[in-house]
Protein backbone atom coordinates (compact mmCIF):
# COMPACT_ATOMS: atom_id res chain seq x y z
CA UNK A 1 0.00 0.00 0.00
CA UNK A 2 1.31 3.44 -0.88
CA UNK A 3 2.05 5.71 2.10
CA UNK A 4 -0.56 8.26 0.99
CA UNK A 5 -3.17 5.51 0.70
CA UNK A 6 -2.27 4.11 4.14
CA UNK A 7 -2.45 7.59 5.67
CA UNK A 8 -5.87 8.25 4.11
CA UNK A 9 -7.16 4.87 5.29
CA UNK A 10 -5.90 5.59 8.81
CA UNK A 11 -7.54 9.02 8.84
CA UNK A 12 -10.85 7.56 7.65
CA UNK A 13 -10.69 4.80 10.27
CA UNK A 14 -9.99 7.34 13.02
CA UNK A 15 -12.91 9.50 11.87
CA UNK A 16 -15.26 6.50 11.88
CA UNK A 17 -14.24 5.83 15.50
CA UNK A 18 -14.76 9.49 16.44
CA UNK A 19 -18.23 9.37 14.89
CA UNK A 20 -18.99 6.19 16.88
CA UNK A 21 -17.83 7.79 20.12
CA UNK A 22 -19.87 10.93 19.50
CA UNK A 23 -22.98 8.83 18.82
CA UNK A 24 -22.41 6.95 22.08
CA UNK A 25 -21.90 9.68 24.65
CA UNK A 26 -18.53 11.35 23.98
CA UNK A 27 -19.63 14.55 22.19
CA UNK A 28 -16.18 16.16 22.36
CA UNK A 29 -14.29 13.31 20.69
CA UNK A 30 -12.08 14.44 17.82
CA UNK A 31 -9.05 13.28 15.89
CA UNK A 32 -5.80 14.39 17.47
CA UNK A 33 -2.96 15.82 15.40
CA UNK A 34 0.20 13.74 15.11
CA UNK A 35 2.87 14.57 17.69
CA UNK A 36 5.74 12.23 16.78
CA UNK A 37 7.64 10.88 19.79
CA UNK A 38 5.29 12.75 22.16
CA UNK A 39 2.18 11.15 20.62
CA UNK A 40 -0.73 10.96 23.08
CA UNK A 41 -3.03 8.73 21.03
CA UNK A 42 -5.29 9.23 18.04
CA UNK A 43 -8.41 10.63 19.69
CA UNK A 44 -8.87 13.62 22.00
CA UNK A 45 -12.01 14.61 23.90
CA UNK A 46 -12.26 11.52 26.12
CA UNK A 47 -10.72 12.91 29.34
CA UNK A 48 -8.43 10.50 31.14
CA UNK A 49 -8.49 7.93 28.34
CA UNK A 50 -5.85 7.34 25.68
CA UNK A 51 -7.25 5.95 22.43
CA UNK A 52 -5.21 4.34 19.66
CA UNK A 53 -7.10 3.42 16.46
CA UNK A 54 -5.86 0.75 14.05
CA UNK A 55 -7.08 -0.61 10.77
CA UNK A 56 -6.65 -4.31 11.40
CA UNK A 57 -6.01 -5.73 7.94
CA UNK A 58 -2.84 -7.07 9.60
CA UNK A 59 -3.05 -7.69 13.36
CA UNK A 60 0.05 -6.72 15.35
CA UNK A 61 -1.15 -6.58 18.96
CA UNK A 62 2.30 -6.60 20.58
CA UNK A 63 3.40 -3.50 18.65
CA UNK A 64 0.05 -1.78 19.12
CA UNK A 65 -0.01 -2.39 22.87
CA UNK A 66 3.56 -1.09 23.24
CA UNK A 67 2.50 2.00 21.29
CA UNK A 68 -0.54 2.42 23.54
CA UNK A 69 1.61 2.13 26.67
CA UNK A 70 3.97 4.86 25.41
CA UNK A 71 1.02 7.09 24.49
CA UNK A 72 -0.62 6.55 27.89
CA UNK A 73 2.65 7.67 29.51
CA UNK A 74 2.80 10.73 27.22
CA UNK A 75 -0.87 11.49 27.89
CA UNK A 76 -0.46 10.91 31.66
CA UNK A 77 -3.43 8.52 31.78
CA UNK A 78 -3.90 5.13 33.39
CA UNK A 79 -6.76 4.08 31.08
CA UNK A 80 -6.35 3.37 27.40
CA UNK A 81 -7.36 1.00 24.66
CA UNK A 82 -6.70 0.11 21.06
CA UNK A 83 -9.77 0.23 18.79
CA UNK A 84 -9.26 -2.26 15.95
CA UNK A 85 -11.16 -2.10 12.67
CA UNK A 86 -11.26 -5.72 11.39
CA UNK A 87 -10.94 -6.12 7.65
CA UNK A 88 -14.34 -5.96 5.98
CA UNK A 89 -16.14 -4.32 8.91
CA UNK A 90 -16.77 -0.64 8.16
CA UNK A 91 -19.34 -0.25 11.00
CA UNK A 92 -17.44 0.89 14.11
CA UNK A 93 -19.94 -0.93 16.32
CA UNK A 94 -18.52 -4.18 14.92
CA UNK A 95 -14.92 -3.35 15.79
CA UNK A 96 -12.83 -4.74 18.64
CA UNK A 97 -11.22 -2.94 21.56
CA UNK A 98 -8.13 -4.28 23.31
CA UNK A 99 -7.07 -3.06 26.74
CA UNK A 100 -4.11 -3.94 28.95
CA UNK A 101 -4.99 -6.48 31.68
CA UNK A 102 -4.26 -4.08 34.59
CA UNK A 103 -6.63 -1.53 33.05
CA UNK A 104 -9.37 -4.16 32.72
CA UNK A 105 -8.96 -5.27 36.35
CA UNK A 106 -9.05 -1.68 37.61
CA UNK A 107 -12.14 -0.80 35.55
CA UNK A 108 -13.97 -3.93 36.70
CA UNK A 109 -13.15 -3.20 40.36
CA UNK A 110 -14.29 0.43 39.96
CA UNK A 111 -17.53 -0.86 38.43
CA UNK A 112 -18.16 -2.90 41.58
CA UNK A 113 -17.06 -6.37 40.49
């Protein structure tokens, strides 16, 4: 895939996730501008949560989770997830979200489990 094509696909995927978030209670969600080494995730407007969005034609969870961990550190958050767009699923409600195990445990405990 050409770099310009990959960049456009990534931007479209991020916008689809923003639209999904807005439709489901995060009205201030928006795409975040690239920040290089100081990247804080792909989506802003979800206070306290770092969001990384990936088009999952090729799954690379280890790399994505390392990227999320770095972005959570840059964003100074302890909650974050990777939203994955599986190939052939344009509807964001059909996508997957992957979170680090410590984040899952903390969220479940805070929810009363």
